[in-house]
Amino acid sequence: MPSPHGERSAAAPAGGAKKQTARMIKCTCATCGYVARTSRMWIVEVGAPHCPRHGAMTTDGRERDERQTDLEDFVRRGA
């Protein structure tokens, strides 16, 4: 019986693996190394999460890109 979703292939796409666009941002406590992951939206809206023992955490620096700028504009407009 044929699949209702069409043919399936186990091979990766010709250009390699698809780039992941919806990613969780890694936040780390500089003091103890505690790690939490959160979406770009929450970092923009309320900031990075806090370590239970040491407070504010730092992000891995990859969340600042064009999509974040677009999201910041979206949040400022209140849309």
N, C-alpha and C. Protein backbone atom coordinates (compact mmCIF):
# COMPACT_ATOMS: atom_id res chain seq x y z
N MET A 1 0.85 -1.18 0.00
CA MET A 1 0.00 0.00 0.00
C MET A 1 0.89 1.25 0.00
N PRO A 2 0.66 2.19 -0.90
CA PRO A 2 1.48 3.41 -0.95
C PRO A 2 1.24 4.30 0.26
N SER A 3 2.25 5.05 0.61
CA SER A 3 2.15 5.98 1.74
C SER A 3 1.27 7.17 1.35
N PRO A 4 0.40 7.65 2.25
CA PRO A 4 -0.44 8.80 1.93
C PRO A 4 0.35 10.10 1.80
N HIS A 5 1.59 10.09 2.26
CA HIS A 5 2.41 11.30 2.23
C HIS A 5 3.44 11.28 1.11
N GLY A 6 3.38 10.28 0.26
CA GLY A 6 4.33 10.21 -0.84
C GLY A 6 5.54 9.37 -0.50
N GLU A 7 6.49 9.37 -1.39
CA GLU A 7 7.70 8.58 -1.25
C GLU A 7 8.60 9.13 -0.15
N ARG A 8 9.22 8.23 0.62
CA ARG A 8 10.14 8.67 1.67
C ARG A 8 11.56 8.28 1.29
N SER A 9 12.50 9.11 1.67
CA SER A 9 13.90 8.85 1.38
C SER A 9 14.72 9.00 2.65
N ALA A 10 15.65 8.09 2.86
CA ALA A 10 16.51 8.14 4.04
C ALA A 10 17.72 9.04 3.81
N ALA A 11 17.97 9.40 2.58
CA ALA A 11 19.14 10.22 2.24
C ALA A 11 18.92 11.68 2.64
N ALA A 12 20.01 12.36 3.00
CA ALA A 12 19.96 13.79 3.33
C ALA A 12 19.73 14.58 2.04
N PRO A 13 19.19 15.80 2.14
CA PRO A 13 19.00 16.63 0.95
C PRO A 13 20.33 16.86 0.23
N ALA A 14 20.28 17.16 -1.05
CA ALA A 14 21.48 17.32 -1.87
C ALA A 14 22.46 18.34 -1.29
N GLY A 15 21.97 19.40 -0.69
CA GLY A 15 22.85 20.44 -0.14
C GLY A 15 23.31 20.14 1.28
N GLY A 16 23.11 18.94 1.77
CA GLY A 16 23.46 18.60 3.14
C GLY A 16 22.25 18.73 4.04
N ALA A 17 22.45 18.73 5.33
CA ALA A 17 21.34 18.81 6.28
C ALA A 17 20.69 20.20 6.22
N LYS A 18 19.37 20.24 6.44
CA LYS A 18 18.67 21.52 6.46
C LYS A 18 19.14 22.35 7.64
N LYS A 19 19.26 23.64 7.44
CA LYS A 19 19.65 24.53 8.52
C LYS A 19 18.49 24.66 9.49
N GLN A 20 18.79 24.53 10.78
CA GLN A 20 17.77 24.65 11.80
C GLN A 20 17.52 26.13 12.06
N THR A 21 16.25 26.57 11.92
CA THR A 21 15.94 27.98 12.10
C THR A 21 15.26 28.26 13.42
N ALA A 22 14.52 27.32 13.95
CA ALA A 22 13.84 27.52 15.23
C ALA A 22 14.68 26.85 16.30
N ARG A 23 15.63 27.57 16.82
CA ARG A 23 16.55 26.96 17.77
C ARG A 23 16.44 27.57 19.16
N MET A 24 16.80 26.79 20.12
CA MET A 24 16.84 27.25 21.49
C MET A 24 18.24 27.81 21.74
N ILE A 25 18.28 28.94 22.41
CA ILE A 25 19.55 29.62 22.69
C ILE A 25 20.10 29.12 24.02
N LYS A 26 21.37 28.78 24.02
CA LYS A 26 22.02 28.28 25.23
C LYS A 26 22.44 29.45 26.11
N CYS A 27 22.02 29.42 27.38
CA CYS A 27 22.38 30.44 28.36
C CYS A 27 23.18 29.74 29.46
N THR A 28 24.28 30.34 29.87
CA THR A 28 25.18 29.70 30.82
C THR A 28 25.51 30.64 31.97
N CYS A 29 25.58 30.09 33.19
CA CYS A 29 26.04 30.85 34.35
C CYS A 29 27.56 30.86 34.30
N ALA A 30 28.16 32.04 34.30
CA ALA A 30 29.61 32.17 34.22
C ALA A 30 30.30 31.65 35.49
N THR A 31 29.58 31.61 36.61
CA THR A 31 30.17 31.19 37.87
C THR A 31 30.22 29.67 38.02
N CYS A 32 29.07 29.00 37.82
CA CYS A 32 29.01 27.56 38.10
C CYS A 32 28.80 26.69 36.87
N GLY A 33 28.49 27.30 35.71
CA GLY A 33 28.30 26.53 34.50
C GLY A 33 26.89 26.00 34.29
N TYR A 34 25.95 26.39 35.17
CA TYR A 34 24.55 25.97 35.01
C TYR A 34 24.07 26.38 33.62
N VAL A 35 23.36 25.49 32.93
CA VAL A 35 22.92 25.74 31.56
C VAL A 35 21.40 25.68 31.48
N ALA A 36 20.83 26.62 30.77
CA ALA A 36 19.40 26.63 30.47
C ALA A 36 19.28 27.02 29.00
N ARG A 37 18.23 26.56 28.36
CA ARG A 37 17.98 26.94 26.97
C ARG A 37 16.62 27.60 26.89
N THR A 38 16.55 28.65 26.09
CA THR A 38 15.29 29.37 25.93
C THR A 38 15.20 29.90 24.51
N SER A 39 14.03 30.30 24.11
CA SER A 39 13.87 30.80 22.74
C SER A 39 14.35 32.24 22.64
N ARG A 40 14.67 32.64 21.44
CA ARG A 40 15.12 34.00 21.14
C ARG A 40 14.08 35.02 21.60
N MET A 41 12.79 34.67 21.42
CA MET A 41 11.71 35.58 21.78
C MET A 41 11.78 35.96 23.26
N TRP A 42 12.01 34.99 24.15
CA TRP A 42 12.04 35.29 25.59
C TRP A 42 13.26 36.11 25.96
N ILE A 43 14.38 35.88 25.30
CA ILE A 43 15.58 36.68 25.57
C ILE A 43 15.31 38.13 25.19
N VAL A 44 14.65 38.35 24.05
CA VAL A 44 14.34 39.70 23.60
C VAL A 44 13.32 40.36 24.52
N GLU A 45 12.25 39.63 24.89
CA GLU A 45 11.17 40.22 25.68
C GLU A 45 11.53 40.46 27.14
N VAL A 46 12.16 39.49 27.79
CA VAL A 46 12.41 39.62 29.24
C VAL A 46 13.86 39.42 29.65
N GLY A 47 14.72 39.06 28.72
CA GLY A 47 16.13 38.88 29.03
C GLY A 47 16.48 37.42 29.28
N ALA A 48 17.76 37.18 29.45
CA ALA A 48 18.25 35.82 29.67
C ALA A 48 17.75 35.30 31.02
N PRO A 49 17.63 33.97 31.15
CA PRO A 49 17.20 33.41 32.43
C PRO A 49 18.24 33.63 33.52
N HIS A 50 17.88 33.32 34.75
CA HIS A 50 18.77 33.49 35.89
C HIS A 50 19.15 32.14 36.47
N CYS A 51 20.40 32.01 36.89
CA CYS A 51 20.89 30.83 37.60
C CYS A 51 20.22 30.82 38.97
N PRO A 52 19.78 29.67 39.47
CA PRO A 52 19.14 29.61 40.79
C PRO A 52 20.04 30.11 41.92
N ARG A 53 21.36 30.02 41.74
CA ARG A 53 22.29 30.44 42.80
C ARG A 53 22.98 31.77 42.55
N HIS A 54 23.24 32.11 41.29
CA HIS A 54 24.10 33.26 41.01
C HIS A 54 23.47 34.38 40.20
N GLY A 55 22.23 34.27 39.83
CA GLY A 55 21.56 35.36 39.12
C GLY A 55 21.70 35.30 37.62
N ALA A 56 21.83 36.46 36.99
CA ALA A 56 21.79 36.59 35.53
C ALA A 56 22.81 35.69 34.83
N MET A 57 22.37 35.14 33.71
CA MET A 57 23.22 34.26 32.91
C MET A 57 23.59 34.95 31.61
N THR A 58 24.60 34.44 30.93
CA THR A 58 25.00 34.97 29.64
C THR A 58 24.54 34.02 28.54
N THR A 59 24.38 34.56 27.33
CA THR A 59 23.98 33.73 26.19
C THR A 59 25.21 33.39 25.39
N ASP A 60 25.07 32.44 24.46
CA ASP A 60 26.22 32.01 23.67
C ASP A 60 26.58 32.99 22.56
N GLY A 61 25.82 34.10 22.44
CA GLY A 61 26.15 35.15 21.49
C GLY A 61 25.62 34.94 20.10
N ARG A 62 25.01 33.79 19.81
CA ARG A 62 24.51 33.53 18.47
C ARG A 62 23.07 33.99 18.29
N GLU A 63 22.44 34.51 19.32
CA GLU A 63 21.05 34.93 19.19
C GLU A 63 20.91 36.28 18.51
N ARG A 64 21.98 37.04 18.39
CA ARG A 64 21.92 38.36 17.79
C ARG A 64 22.10 38.23 16.28
N ASP A 65 21.03 38.26 15.56
CA ASP A 65 21.09 38.21 14.11
C ASP A 65 19.90 38.96 13.54
N GLU A 66 19.72 38.88 12.25
CA GLU A 66 18.65 39.63 11.59
C GLU A 66 17.27 39.26 12.11
N ARG A 67 17.05 37.95 12.38
CA ARG A 67 15.75 37.53 12.89
C ARG A 67 15.47 38.15 14.24
N GLN A 68 16.49 38.29 15.08
CA GLN A 68 16.27 38.89 16.40
C GLN A 68 15.90 40.36 16.24
N THR A 69 16.57 41.06 15.35
CA THR A 69 16.24 42.46 15.11
C THR A 69 14.80 42.59 14.65
N ASP A 70 14.38 41.70 13.75
CA ASP A 70 12.99 41.70 13.30
C ASP A 70 12.05 41.43 14.46
N LEU A 71 12.41 40.49 15.33
CA LEU A 71 11.57 40.16 16.48
C LEU A 71 11.50 41.33 17.45
N GLU A 72 12.63 42.01 17.68
CA GLU A 72 12.63 43.17 18.58
C GLU A 72 11.70 44.25 18.04
N ASP A 73 11.73 44.50 16.73
CA ASP A 73 10.84 45.48 16.12
C ASP A 73 9.39 45.06 16.30
N PHE A 74 9.10 43.78 16.11
CA PHE A 74 7.76 43.24 16.27
C PHE A 74 7.27 43.45 17.71
N VAL A 75 8.13 43.16 18.69
CA VAL A 75 7.74 43.30 20.10
C VAL A 75 7.52 44.77 20.45
N ARG A 76 8.38 45.66 19.95
CA ARG A 76 8.22 47.09 20.22
C ARG A 76 6.90 47.64 19.68
N ARG A 77 6.49 47.14 18.51
CA ARG A 77 5.24 47.60 17.92
C ARG A 77 4.03 47.08 18.69
N GLY A 78 4.24 46.03 19.49
CA GLY A 78 3.14 45.47 20.25
C GLY A 78 2.19 44.65 19.41
N ALA A 79 2.69 44.19 18.28
CA ALA A 79 1.85 43.40 17.36
C ALA A 79 1.72 41.98 17.83
